[in-house]
PDB file of N, CA and C in Angstrom:
ATOM      1  N   UNK A   1       9.333 216.305-129.046  1.00  0.00           N
ATOM      2  CA  UNK A   1      10.406 216.157-130.005  1.00  0.00           C
ATOM      3  C   UNK A   1      11.701 216.561-129.321  1.00  0.00           C
ATOM      4  N   UNK A   2      12.753 216.008-129.838  1.00  0.00           N
ATOM      5  CA  UNK A   2      14.056 216.268-129.258  1.00  0.00           C
ATOM      6  C   UNK A   2      14.835 217.243-130.121  1.00  0.00           C
ATOM      7  N   UNK A   3      15.758 217.909-129.485  1.00  0.00           N
ATOM      8  CA  UNK A   3      16.692 218.720-130.259  1.00  0.00           C
ATOM      9  C   UNK A   3      17.737 217.771-130.820  1.00  0.00           C
ATOM     10  N   UNK A   4      18.785 218.304-131.374  1.00  0.00           N
ATOM     11  CA  UNK A   4      19.798 217.450-131.970  1.00  0.00           C
ATOM     12  C   UNK A   4      20.791 216.910-130.950  1.00  0.00           C
ATOM     13  N   UNK A   5      20.726 217.309-129.680  1.00  0.00           N
ATOM     14  CA  UNK A   5      21.632 216.790-128.657  1.00  0.00           C
ATOM     15  C   UNK A   5      21.183 215.391-128.242  1.00  0.00           C
ATOM     16  N   UNK A   6      22.122 214.456-128.235  1.00  0.00           N
ATOM     17  CA  UNK A   6      21.826 213.076-127.875  1.00  0.00           C
ATOM     18  C   UNK A   6      22.854 212.564-126.879  1.00  0.00           C
ATOM     19  N   UNK A   7      22.476 211.544-126.092  1.00  0.00           N
ATOM     20  CA  UNK A   7      23.460 210.945-125.199  1.00  0.00           C
ATOM     21  C   UNK A   7      24.519 210.198-125.998  1.00  0.00           C
ATOM     22  N   UNK A   8      25.651 209.973-125.374  1.00  0.00           N
ATOM     23  CA  UNK A   8      26.719 209.259-126.068  1.00  0.00           C
ATOM     24  C   UNK A   8      26.312 207.805-126.281  1.00  0.00           C
ATOM     25  N   UNK A   9      26.820 207.194-127.368  1.00  0.00           N
ATOM     26  CA  UNK A   9      26.444 205.817-127.673  1.00  0.00           C
ATOM     27  C   UNK A   9      26.984 204.842-126.629  1.00  0.00           C
ATOM     28  N   UNK A  10      26.273 203.750-126.460  1.00  0.00           N
ATOM     29  CA  UNK A  10      26.688 202.709-125.532  1.00  0.00           C
ATOM     30  C   UNK A  10      27.188 201.503-126.298  1.00  0.00           C
ATOM     31  N   UNK A  11      27.823 200.564-125.591  1.00  0.00           N
ATOM     32  CA  UNK A  11      28.288 199.340-126.237  1.00  0.00           C
ATOM     33  C   UNK A  11      27.110 198.572-126.816  1.00  0.00           C
ATOM     34  N   UNK A  12      25.985 198.539-126.094  1.00  0.00           N
ATOM     35  CA  UNK A  12      24.794 197.843-126.576  1.00  0.00           C
ATOM     36  C   UNK A  12      24.327 198.445-127.898  1.00  0.00           C
ATOM     37  N   UNK A  13      24.366 199.759-128.003  1.00  0.00           N
ATOM     38  CA  UNK A  13      23.959 200.430-129.242  1.00  0.00           C
ATOM     39  C   UNK A  13      24.929 200.090-130.360  1.00  0.00           C
ATOM     40  N   UNK A  14      26.224 200.099-130.072  1.00  0.00           N
ATOM     41  CA  UNK A  14      27.216 199.752-131.100  1.00  0.00           C
ATOM     42  C   UNK A  14      27.019 198.320-131.565  1.00  0.00           C
ATOM     43  N   UNK A  15      26.686 197.415-130.630  1.00  0.00           N
ATOM     44  CA  UNK A  15      26.429 196.027-131.000  1.00  0.00           C
ATOM     45  C   UNK A  15      25.244 195.914-131.942  1.00  0.00           C
ATOM     46  N   UNK A  16      24.223 196.766-131.732  1.00  0.00           N
ATOM     47  CA  UNK A  16      23.046 196.732-132.596  1.00  0.00           C
ATOM     48  C   UNK A  16      23.440 197.032-134.039  1.00  0.00           C
ATOM     49  N   UNK A  17      24.347 197.984-134.234  1.00  0.00           N
ATOM     50  CA  UNK A  17      24.736 198.377-135.581  1.00  0.00           C
ATOM     51  C   UNK A  17      25.705 197.391-136.225  1.00  0.00           C
ATOM     52  N   UNK A  18      26.428 196.623-135.430  1.00  0.00           N
ATOM     53  CA  UNK A  18      27.420 195.720-136.003  1.00  0.00           C
ATOM     54  C   UNK A  18      26.951 194.270-136.017  1.00  0.00           C
ATOM     55  N   UNK A  19      25.794 193.964-135.452  1.00  0.00           N
ATOM     56  CA  UNK A  19      25.301 192.595-135.432  1.00  0.00           C
ATOM     57  C   UNK A  19      24.566 192.275-136.733  1.00  0.00           C
ATOM     58  N   UNK A  20      23.781 191.226-136.686  1.00  0.00           N
ATOM     59  CA  UNK A  20      23.060 190.768-137.872  1.00  0.00           C
ATOM     60  C   UNK A  20      21.741 191.495-138.098  1.00  0.00           C
ATOM     61  N   UNK A  21      21.559 192.642-137.490  1.00  0.00           N
ATOM     62  CA  UNK A  21      20.327 193.408-137.670  1.00  0.00           C
ATOM     63  C   UNK A  21      20.292 194.033-139.059  1.00  0.00           C
ATOM     64  N   UNK A  22      19.092 194.095-139.616  1.00  0.00           N
ATOM     65  CA  UNK A  22      18.882 194.788-140.877  1.00  0.00           C
ATOM     66  C   UNK A  22      18.370 196.187-140.563  1.00  0.00           C
ATOM     67  N   UNK A  23      19.141 197.199-140.972  1.00  0.00           N
ATOM     68  CA  UNK A  23      18.778 198.585-140.723  1.00  0.00           C
ATOM     69  C   UNK A  23      18.423 199.236-142.047  1.00  0.00           C
ATOM     70  N   UNK A  24      17.256 199.867-142.102  1.00  0.00           N
ATOM     71  CA  UNK A  24      16.788 200.540-143.311  1.00  0.00           C
ATOM     72  C   UNK A  24      16.515 202.000-142.974  1.00  0.00           C
ATOM     73  N   UNK A  25      17.096 202.898-143.768  1.00  0.00           N
ATOM     74  CA  UNK A  25      16.823 204.331-143.661  1.00  0.00           C
ATOM     75  C   UNK A  25      16.036 204.701-144.915  1.00  0.00           C
ATOM     76  N   UNK A  26      14.864 205.288-144.729  1.00  0.00           N
ATOM     77  CA  UNK A  26      14.011 205.611-145.879  1.00  0.00           C
ATOM     78  C   UNK A  26      13.091 206.768-145.542  1.00  0.00           C
ATOM     79  N   UNK A  27      12.464 207.291-146.583  1.00  0.00           N
ATOM     80  CA  UNK A  27      11.454 208.337-146.402  1.00  0.00           C
ATOM     81  C   UNK A  27      10.190 207.706-145.829  1.00  0.00           C
ATOM     82  N   UNK A  28       9.535 208.428-144.951  1.00  0.00           N
ATOM     83  CA  UNK A  28       8.279 207.953-144.380  1.00  0.00           C
ATOM     84  C   UNK A  28       7.181 208.014-145.433  1.00  0.00           C
ATOM     85  N   UNK A  29       6.245 207.078-145.323  1.00  0.00           N
ATOM     86  CA  UNK A  29       5.088 207.013-146.218  1.00  0.00           C
ATOM     87  C   UNK A  29       3.816 207.162-145.390  1.00  0.00           C
ATOM     88  N   UNK A  30       2.708 207.341-146.049  1.00  0.00           N
ATOM     89  CA  UNK A  30       1.417 207.439-145.356  1.00  0.00           C
ATOM     90  C   UNK A  30       1.158 206.217-144.491  1.00  0.00           C
ATOM     91  N   UNK A  31       1.589 205.072-144.982  1.00  0.00           N
ATOM     92  CA  UNK A  31       1.371 203.822-144.261  1.00  0.00           C
ATOM     93  C   UNK A  31       2.108 203.791-142.923  1.00  0.00           C
ATOM     94  N   UNK A  32       3.054 204.696-142.730  1.00  0.00           N
ATOM     95  CA  UNK A  32       3.826 204.754-141.486  1.00  0.00           C
ATOM     96  C   UNK A  32       3.142 205.569-140.396  1.00  0.00           C
ATOM     97  N   UNK A  33       2.007 206.166-140.687  1.00  0.00           N
ATOM     98  CA  UNK A  33       1.368 207.092-139.746  1.00  0.00           C
ATOM     99  C   UNK A  33       1.121 206.466-138.377  1.00  0.00           C
ATOM    100  N   UNK A  34       0.564 205.263-138.335  1.00  0.00           N
ATOM    101  CA  UNK A  34       0.291 204.624-137.044  1.00  0.00           C
ATOM    102  C   UNK A  34       1.584 204.304-136.304  1.00  0.00           C
ATOM    103  N   UNK A  35       2.578 203.797-137.020  1.00  0.00           N
ATOM    104  CA  UNK A  35       3.860 203.477-136.382  1.00  0.00           C
ATOM    105  C   UNK A  35       4.545 204.741-135.878  1.00  0.00           C
ATOM    106  N   UNK A  36       4.439 205.841-136.632  1.00  0.00           N
ATOM    107  CA  UNK A  36       5.021 207.111-136.187  1.00  0.00           C
ATOM    108  C   UNK A  36       4.295 207.632-134.944  1.00  0.00           C
ATOM    109  N   UNK A  37       2.977 207.528-134.933  1.00  0.00           N
ATOM    110  CA  UNK A  37       2.213 207.936-133.756  1.00  0.00           C
ATOM    111  C   UNK A  37       2.621 207.118-132.530  1.00  0.00           C
ATOM    112  N   UNK A  38       2.754 205.814-132.725  1.00  0.00           N
ATOM    113  CA  UNK A  38       3.147 204.928-131.627  1.00  0.00           C
ATOM    114  C   UNK A  38       4.547 205.279-131.120  1.00  0.00           C
ATOM    115  N   UNK A  39       5.467 205.513-132.042  1.00  0.00           N
ATOM    116  CA  UNK A  39       6.832 205.878-131.674  1.00  0.00           C
ATOM    117  C   UNK A  39       6.847 207.199-130.902  1.00  0.00           C
ATOM    118  N   UNK A  40       6.081 208.167-131.367  1.00  0.00           N
ATOM    119  CA  UNK A  40       6.007 209.463-130.677  1.00  0.00           C
ATOM    120  C   UNK A  40       5.420 209.308-129.282  1.00  0.00           C
ATOM    121  N   UNK A  41       4.412 208.445-129.126  1.00  0.00           N
ATOM    122  CA  UNK A  41       3.834 208.203-127.802  1.00  0.00           C
ATOM    123  C   UNK A  41       4.862 207.566-126.871  1.00  0.00           C
ATOM    124  N   UNK A  42       5.611 206.582-127.381  1.00  0.00           N
ATOM    125  CA  UNK A  42       6.659 205.948-126.566  1.00  0.00           C
ATOM    126  C   UNK A  42       7.672 206.980-126.085  1.00  0.00           C
ATOM    127  N   UNK A  43       7.960 207.938-126.962  1.00  0.00           N
ATOM    128  CA  UNK A  43       8.979 208.957-126.682  1.00  0.00           C
ATOM    129  C   UNK A  43       8.391 210.179-125.970  1.00  0.00           C
ATOM    130  N   UNK A  44       7.096 210.147-125.674  1.00  0.00           N
ATOM    131  CA  UNK A  44       6.408 211.276-125.036  1.00  0.00           C
ATOM    132  C   UNK A  44       6.625 212.572-125.817  1.00  0.00           C
ATOM    133  N   UNK A  45       6.545 212.467-127.127  1.00  0.00           N
ATOM    134  CA  UNK A  45       6.778 213.606-128.017  1.00  0.00           C
ATOM    135  C   UNK A  45       5.720 213.637-129.104  1.00  0.00           C
ATOM    136  N   UNK A  46       5.799 214.672-129.909  1.00  0.00           N
ATOM    137  CA  UNK A  46       4.933 214.777-131.089  1.00  0.00           C
ATOM    138  C   UNK A  46       5.661 214.166-132.284  1.00  0.00           C
ATOM    139  N   UNK A  47       4.891 213.752-133.257  1.00  0.00           N
ATOM    140  CA  UNK A  47       5.481 213.260-134.498  1.00  0.00           C
ATOM    141  C   UNK A  47       6.232 214.416-135.159  1.00  0.00           C
ATOM    142  N   UNK A  48       7.458 214.193-135.624  1.00  0.00           N
ATOM    143  CA  UNK A  48       8.204 215.277-136.292  1.00  0.00           C
ATOM    144  C   UNK A  48       7.466 215.783-137.529  1.00  0.00           C
ATOM    145  N   UNK A  49       7.771 217.013-137.896  1.00  0.00           N
ATOM    146  CA  UNK A  49       7.156 217.626-139.077  1.00  0.00           C
ATOM    147  C   UNK A  49       7.687 216.980-140.359  1.00  0.00           C
ATOM    148  N   UNK A  50       6.831 216.877-141.350  1.00  0.00           N
ATOM    149  CA  UNK A  50       7.215 216.330-142.655  1.00  0.00           C
ATOM    150  C   UNK A  50       8.124 217.313-143.384  1.00  0.00           C
ATOM    151  N   UNK A  51       8.957 216.837-144.276  1.00  0.00           N
ATOM    152  CA  UNK A  51       9.202 215.448-144.645  1.00  0.00           C
ATOM    153  C   UNK A  51       9.997 214.725-143.563  1.00  0.00           C
ATOM    154  N   UNK A  52       9.740 213.421-143.448  1.00  0.00           N
ATOM    155  CA  UNK A  52      10.318 212.615-142.373  1.00  0.00           C
ATOM    156  C   UNK A  52      11.121 211.463-142.955  1.00  0.00           C
ATOM    157  N   UNK A  53      12.288 211.235-142.373  1.00  0.00           N
ATOM    158  CA  UNK A  53      13.060 210.023-142.627  1.00  0.00           C
ATOM    159  C   UNK A  53      12.842 209.089-141.446  1.00  0.00           C
ATOM    160  N   UNK A  54      12.774 207.784-141.718  1.00  0.00           N
ATOM    161  CA  UNK A  54      12.611 206.814-140.643  1.00  0.00           C
ATOM    162  C   UNK A  54      13.749 205.809-140.675  1.00  0.00           C
ATOM    163  N   UNK A  55      14.028 205.254-139.502  1.00  0.00           N
ATOM    164  CA  UNK A  55      15.004 204.176-139.369  1.00  0.00           C
ATOM    165  C   UNK A  55      14.270 202.955-138.852  1.00  0.00           C
ATOM    166  N   UNK A  56      14.404 201.865-139.576  1.00  0.00           N
ATOM    167  CA  UNK A  56      13.815 200.591-139.172  1.00  0.00           C
ATOM    168  C   UNK A  56      14.940 199.635-138.803  1.00  0.00           C
ATOM    169  N   UNK A  57      14.705 198.846-137.769  1.00  0.00           N
ATOM    170  CA  UNK A  57      15.625 197.763-137.408  1.00  0.00           C
ATOM    171  C   UNK A  57      14.813 196.483-137.470  1.00  0.00           C
ATOM    172  N   UNK A  58      15.226 195.594-138.360  1.00  0.00           N
ATOM    173  CA  UNK A  58      14.521 194.320-138.563  1.00  0.00           C
ATOM    174  C   UNK A  58      13.027 194.538-138.802  1.00  0.00           C
ATOM    175  N   UNK A  59      12.705 195.581-139.575  1.00  0.00           N
ATOM    176  CA  UNK A  59      11.329 195.856-139.962  1.00  0.00           C
ATOM    177  C   UNK A  59      10.525 196.677-138.974  1.00  0.00           C
ATOM    178  N   UNK A  60      11.081 196.978-137.798  1.00  0.00           N
ATOM    179  CA  UNK A  60      10.356 197.764-136.789  1.00  0.00           C
ATOM    180  C   UNK A  60      10.879 199.197-136.784  1.00  0.00           C
ATOM    181  N   UNK A  61       9.946 200.139-136.812  1.00  0.00           N
ATOM    182  CA  UNK A  61      10.306 201.559-136.777  1.00  0.00           C
ATOM    183  C   UNK A  61      10.896 201.892-135.416  1.00  0.00           C
ATOM    184  N   UNK A  62      12.128 202.430-135.403  1.00  0.00           N
ATOM    185  CA  UNK A  62      12.808 202.737-134.145  1.00  0.00           C
ATOM    186  C   UNK A  62      13.122 204.214-133.962  1.00  0.00           C
ATOM    187  N   UNK A  63      13.204 204.980-135.061  1.00  0.00           N
ATOM    188  CA  UNK A  63      13.509 206.408-134.956  1.00  0.00           C
ATOM    189  C   UNK A  63      12.980 207.118-136.197  1.00  0.00           C
ATOM    190  N   UNK A  64      12.683 208.407-136.035  1.00  0.00           N
ATOM    191  CA  UNK A  64      12.202 209.228-137.150  1.00  0.00           C
ATOM    192  C   UNK A  64      12.761 210.634-136.978  1.00  0.00           C
ATOM    193  N   UNK A  65      13.096 211.260-138.099  1.00  0.00           N
ATOM    194  CA  UNK A  65      13.717 212.583-138.080  1.00  0.00           C
ATOM    195  C   UNK A  65      13.044 213.484-139.104  1.00  0.00           C
ATOM    196  N   UNK A  66      12.731 214.710-138.683  1.00  0.00           N
ATOM    197  CA  UNK A  66      12.199 215.704-139.608  1.00  0.00           C
ATOM    198  C   UNK A  66      13.345 216.256-140.442  1.00  0.00           C
ATOM    199  N   UNK A  67      13.219 216.185-141.750  1.00  0.00           N
ATOM    200  CA  UNK A  67      14.239 216.758-142.626  1.00  0.00           C
ATOM    201  C   UNK A  67      14.149 218.274-142.644  1.00  0.00           C
ATOM    202  N   UNK A  68      13.027 218.805-142.178  1.00  0.00           N
ATOM    203  CA  UNK A  68      12.848 220.248-142.158  1.00  0.00           C
ATOM    204  C   UNK A  68      13.568 220.928-141.012  1.00  0.00           C
ATOM    205  N   UNK A  69      13.337 220.427-139.787  1.00  0.00           N
ATOM    206  CA  UNK A  69      13.915 221.109-138.622  1.00  0.00           C
ATOM    207  C   UNK A  69      14.860 220.250-137.793  1.00  0.00           C
ATOM    208  N   UNK A  70      15.058 218.990-138.174  1.00  0.00           N
ATOM    209  CA  UNK A  70      15.995 218.129-137.466  1.00  0.00           C
ATOM    210  C   UNK A  70      15.464 217.519-136.181  1.00  0.00           C
ATOM    211  N   UNK A  71      14.205 217.816-135.828  1.00  0.00           N
ATOM    212  CA  UNK A  71      13.618 217.219-134.630  1.00  0.00           C
ATOM    213  C   UNK A  71      13.421 215.721-134.867  1.00  0.00           C
ATOM    214  N   UNK A  72      13.537 214.946-133.800  1.00  0.00           N
ATOM    215  CA  UNK A  72      13.401 213.506-133.965  1.00  0.00           C
ATOM    216  C   UNK A  72      12.646 212.889-132.803  1.00  0.00           C
ATOM    217  N   UNK A  73      12.133 211.691-133.045  1.00  0.00           N
ATOM    218  CA  UNK A  73      11.578 210.831-132.003  1.00  0.00           C
ATOM    219  C   UNK A  73      12.278 209.494-132.139  1.00  0.00           C
ATOM    220  N   UNK A  74      12.429 208.806-131.000  1.00  0.00           N
ATOM    221  CA  UNK A  74      13.114 207.527-131.021  1.00  0.00           C
ATOM    222  C   UNK A  74      12.563 206.628-129.924  1.00  0.00           C
ATOM    223  N   UNK A  75      12.662 205.341-130.147  1.00  0.00           N
ATOM    224  CA  UNK A  75      12.203 204.352-129.182  1.00  0.00           C
ATOM    225  C   UNK A  75      13.074 204.434-127.928  1.00  0.00           C
ATOM    226  N   UNK A  76      12.494 204.809-126.780  1.00  0.00           N
ATOM    227  CA  UNK A  76      13.304 204.955-125.570  1.00  0.00           C
ATOM    228  C   UNK A  76      13.722 203.622-124.948  1.00  0.00           C
ATOM    229  N   UNK A  77      13.171 202.529-125.454  1.00  0.00           N
ATOM    230  CA  UNK A  77      13.474 201.213-124.897  1.00  0.00           C
ATOM    231  C   UNK A  77      14.520 200.455-125.717  1.00  0.00           C
ATOM    232  N   UNK A  78      15.071 201.117-126.716  1.00  0.00           N
ATOM    233  CA  UNK A  78      16.090 200.520-127.574  1.00  0.00           C
ATOM    234  C   UNK A  78      17.209 201.534-127.770  1.00  0.00           C
ATOM    235  N   UNK A  79      18.444 201.086-127.918  1.00  0.00           N
ATOM    236  CA  UNK A  79      19.525 202.040-128.212  1.00  0.00           C
ATOM    237  C   UNK A  79      19.298 202.654-129.597  1.00  0.00           C
ATOM    238  N   UNK A  80      19.151 203.969-129.639  1.00  0.00           N
ATOM    239  CA  UNK A  80      18.815 204.614-130.920  1.00  0.00           C
ATOM    240  C   UNK A  80      19.723 205.780-131.287  1.00  0.00           C
ATOM    241  N   UNK A  81      20.710 206.104-130.464  1.00  0.00           N
ATOM    242  CA  UNK A  81      21.563 207.265-130.760  1.00  0.00           C
ATOM    243  C   UNK A  81      22.222 207.128-132.131  1.00  0.00           C
ATOM    244  N   UNK A  82      22.723 205.931-132.441  1.00  0.00           N
ATOM    245  CA  UNK A  82      23.370 205.735-133.748  1.00  0.00           C
ATOM    246  C   UNK A  82      22.370 205.795-134.890  1.00  0.00           C
ATOM    247  N   UNK A  83      21.146 205.328-134.633  1.00  0.00           N
ATOM    248  CA  UNK A  83      20.115 205.413-135.672  1.00  0.00           C
ATOM    249  C   UNK A  83      19.802 206.864-135.996  1.00  0.00           C
ATOM    250  N   UNK A  84      19.696 207.690-134.965  1.00  0.00           N
ATOM    251  CA  UNK A  84      19.420 209.114-135.196  1.00  0.00           C
ATOM    252  C   UNK A  84      20.586 209.740-135.957  1.00  0.00           C
ATOM    253  N   UNK A  85      21.809 209.343-135.631  1.00  0.00           N
ATOM    254  CA  UNK A  85      22.977 209.850-136.369  1.00  0.00           C
ATOM    255  C   UNK A  85      22.894 209.442-137.836  1.00  0.00           C
ATOM    256  N   UNK A  86      22.525 208.194-138.101  1.00  0.00           N
ATOM    257  CA  UNK A  86      22.360 207.754-139.496  1.00  0.00           C
ATOM    258  C   UNK A  86      21.286 208.579-140.209  1.00  0.00           C
ATOM    259  N   UNK A  87      20.188 208.850-139.522  1.00  0.00           N
ATOM    260  CA  UNK A  87      19.131 209.672-140.110  1.00  0.00           C
ATOM    261  C   UNK A  87      19.644 211.076-140.429  1.00  0.00           C
ATOM    262  N   UNK A  88      20.421 211.652-139.508  1.00  0.00           N
ATOM    263  CA  UNK A  88      20.959 212.998-139.739  1.00  0.00           C
ATOM    264  C   UNK A  88      21.921 213.013-140.929  1.00  0.00           C
ATOM    265  N   UNK A  89      22.754 211.989-141.038  1.00  0.00           N
ATOM    266  CA  UNK A  89      23.686 211.909-142.165  1.00  0.00           C
ATOM    267  C   UNK A  89      22.908 211.809-143.472  1.00  0.00           C
ATOM    268  N   UNK A  90      21.892 210.956-143.498  1.00  0.00           N
ATOM    269  CA  UNK A  90      21.095 210.798-144.721  1.00  0.00           C
ATOM    270  C   UNK A  90      20.351 212.082-145.065  1.00  0.00           C
ATOM    271  N   UNK A  91      19.855 212.780-144.060  1.00  0.00           N
ATOM    272  CA  UNK A  91      19.155 214.051-144.313  1.00  0.00           C
ATOM    273  C   UNK A  91      20.119 215.067-144.920  1.00  0.00           C
ATOM    274  N   UNK A  92      21.349 215.112-144.402  1.00  0.00           N
ATOM    275  CA  UNK A  92      22.349 216.024-144.994  1.00  0.00           C
ATOM    276  C   UNK A  92      22.657 215.633-146.428  1.00  0.00           C
ATOM    277  N   UNK A  93      22.801 214.327-146.686  1.00  0.00           N
ATOM    278  CA  UNK A  93      23.059 213.875-148.052  1.00  0.00           C
ATOM    279  C   UNK A  93      21.922 214.267-148.978  1.00  0.00           C
ATOM    280  N   UNK A  94      20.707 214.099-148.526  1.00  0.00           N
ATOM    281  CA  UNK A  94      19.553 214.468-149.346  1.00  0.00           C
ATOM    282  C   UNK A  94      19.558 215.958-149.635  1.00  0.00           C
ATOM    283  N   UNK A  95      19.923 216.771-148.645  1.00  0.00           N
ATOM    284  CA  UNK A  95      20.032 218.213-148.852  1.00  0.00           C
ATOM    285  C   UNK A  95      21.111 218.545-149.850  1.00  0.00           C
ATOM    286  N   UNK A  96      22.247 217.852-149.753  1.00  0.00           N
ATOM    287  CA  UNK A  96      23.335 218.070-150.710  1.00  0.00           C
ATOM    288  C   UNK A  96      22.908 217.655-152.107  1.00  0.00           C
ATOM    289  N   UNK A  97      22.169 216.529-152.200  1.00  0.00           N
ATOM    290  CA  UNK A  97      21.679 216.066-153.499  1.00  0.00           C
ATOM    291  C   UNK A  97      20.787 217.108-154.150  1.00  0.00           C
ATOM    292  N   UNK A  98      19.879 217.695-153.368  1.00  0.00           N
ATOM    293  CA  UNK A  98      18.951 218.664-153.952  1.00  0.00           C
ATOM    294  C   UNK A  98      19.695 219.933-154.361  1.00  0.00           C
ATOM    295  N   UNK A  99      20.687 220.350-153.571  1.00  0.00           N
ATOM    296  CA  UNK A  99      21.465 221.533-153.948  1.00  0.00           C
ATOM    297  C   UNK A  99      22.287 221.249-155.200  1.00  0.00           C
ATOM    298  N   UNK A 100      22.819 220.021-155.307  1.00  0.00           N
ATOM    299  CA  UNK A 100      23.577 219.662-156.508  1.00  0.00           C
ATOM    300  C   UNK A 100      22.663 219.706-157.729  1.00  0.00           C
ATOM    301  N   UNK A 101      21.426 219.229-157.564  1.00  0.00           N
ATOM    302  CA  UNK A 101      20.472 219.285-158.660  1.00  0.00           C
ATOM    303  C   UNK A 101      20.170 220.710-159.073  1.00  0.00           C
ATOM    304  N   UNK A 102      20.043 221.599-158.085  1.00  0.00           N
ATOM    305  CA  UNK A 102      19.816 223.009-158.406  1.00  0.00           C
ATOM    306  C   UNK A 102      21.009 223.592-159.148  1.00  0.00           C
ATOM    307  N   UNK A 103      22.230 223.249-158.716  1.00  0.00           N
ATOM    308  CA  UNK A 103      23.431 223.748-159.402  1.00  0.00           C
ATOM    309  C   UNK A 103      23.468 223.258-160.849  1.00  0.00           C
ATOM    310  N   UNK A 104      23.132 221.982-161.058  1.00  0.00           N
ATOM    311  CA  UNK A 104      23.122 221.431-162.415  1.00  0.00           C
ATOM    312  C   UNK A 104      22.094 222.147-163.285  1.00  0.00           C
ATOM    313  N   UNK A 105      20.883 222.369-162.736  1.00  0.00           N
ATOM    314  CA  UNK A 105      19.852 223.061-163.514  1.00  0.00           C
ATOM    315  C   UNK A 105      20.266 224.496-163.817  1.00  0.00           C
ATOM    316  N   UNK A 106      20.890 225.161-162.835  1.00  0.00           N
ATOM    317  CA  UNK A 106      21.354 226.525-163.060  1.00  0.00           C
ATOM    318  C   UNK A 106      22.425 226.554-164.148  1.00  0.00           C
ATOM    319  N   UNK A 107      23.354 225.597-164.108  1.00  0.00           N
ATOM    320  CA  UNK A 107      24.406 225.535-165.125  1.00  0.00           C
ATOM    321  C   UNK A 107      23.791 225.293-166.501  1.00  0.00           C
ATOM    322  N   UNK A 108      22.813 224.385-166.578  1.00  0.00           N
ATOM    323  CA  UNK A 108      22.150 224.116-167.850  1.00  0.00           C
ATOM    324  C   UNK A 108      21.420 225.366-168.344  1.00  0.00           C
ATOM    325  N   UNK A 109      20.692 226.033-167.451  1.00  0.00           N
ATOM    326  CA  UNK A 109      19.974 227.245-167.819  1.00  0.00           C
ATOM    327  C   UNK A 109      20.947 228.316-168.304  1.00  0.00           C
ATOM    328  N   UNK A 110      22.067 228.493-167.619  1.00  0.00           N
ATOM    329  CA  UNK A 110      23.068 229.481-168.021  1.00  0.00           C
ATOM    330  C   UNK A 110      23.626 229.161-169.398  1.00  0.00           C
ATOM    331  N   UNK A 111      23.882 227.873-169.649  1.00  0.00           N
ATOM    332  CA  UNK A 111      24.392 227.453-170.942  1.00  0.00           C
ATOM    333  C   UNK A 111      23.375 227.735-172.047  1.00  0.00           C
ATOM    334  N   UNK A 112      22.113 227.395-171.798  1.00  0.00           N
ATOM    335  CA  UNK A 112      21.066 227.650-172.792  1.00  0.00           C
ATOM    336  C   UNK A 112      20.898 229.150-173.032  1.00  0.00           C
ATOM    337  N   UNK A 113      20.947 229.929-171.975  1.00  0.00           N
ATOM    338  CA  UNK A 113      20.820 231.367-172.084  1.00  0.00           C
ATOM    339  C   UNK A 113      21.969 231.945-172.932  1.00  0.00           C
ATOM    340  N   UNK A 114      23.182 231.460-172.691  1.00  0.00           N
ATOM    341  CA  UNK A 114      24.347 231.932-173.438  1.00  0.00           C
ATOM    342  C   UNK A 114      24.207 231.589-174.919  1.00  0.00           C
ATOM    343  N   UNK A 115      23.677 230.428-175.232  1.00  0.00           N
ATOM    344  CA  UNK A 115      23.487 230.033-176.630  1.00  0.00           C
ATOM    345  C   UNK A 115      22.410 230.831-177.319  1.00  0.00           C
ATOM    346  N   UNK A 116      21.418 231.300-176.550  1.00  0.00           N
ATOM    347  CA  UNK A 116      20.302 232.019-177.140  1.00  0.00           C
ATOM    348  C   UNK A 116      20.631 233.486-177.400  1.00  0.00           C
ATOM    349  N   UNK A 117      21.718 233.983-176.824  1.00  0.00           N
ATOM    350  CA  UNK A 117      22.091 235.389-177.035  1.00  0.00           C
ATOM    351  C   UNK A 117      22.409 235.638-178.506  1.00  0.00           C
ATOM    352  N   UNK A 118      22.063 236.790-178.997  1.00  0.00           N
ATOM    353  CA  UNK A 118      22.417 237.122-180.379  1.00  0.00           C
ATOM    354  C   UNK A 118      23.923 237.047-180.566  1.00  0.00           C
ATOM    355  N   UNK A 119      24.347 236.425-181.642  1.00  0.00           N
ATOM    356  CA  UNK A 119      25.773 236.312-181.953  1.00  0.00           C
ATOM    357  C   UNK A 119      26.432 235.118-181.298  1.00  0.00           C
ATOM    358  N   UNK A 120      25.712 234.380-180.465  1.00  0.00           N
ATOM    359  CA  UNK A 120      26.297 233.196-179.827  1.00  0.00           C
ATOM    360  C   UNK A 120      26.288 232.044-180.811  1.00  0.00           C
ATOM    361  N   UNK A 121      27.277 231.207-180.710  1.00  0.00           N
ATOM    362  CA  UNK A 121      27.350 230.055-181.608  1.00  0.00           C
ATOM    363  C   UNK A 121      27.018 228.798-180.890  1.00  0.00           C
TER     364      UNK A 121
END
């Protein structure tokens, strides 16, 4: 597995993101196990720890990132630095979403608690 340090993007990698390629960022499923194993073997690494986000280009798995520790694997034969960046951005968004949900639940709980106090209207 890799740390979060990546090489700088190349023109070829930038072309991949701006061309007619279909890029999908999603949560990994059980059905991805073989593709994740294959990707990890290509990268001479272990499969990242769950939960995992994956990046597909035109339906092929090209990169995967652990949402827990940020470790990733990527296809060494394809430009993937930007894909890993997209995965990191999505992982941060997901973390922000869950924290926002916790804040909303806390606010709701506080409101309910305040209403339940004796003398509250």
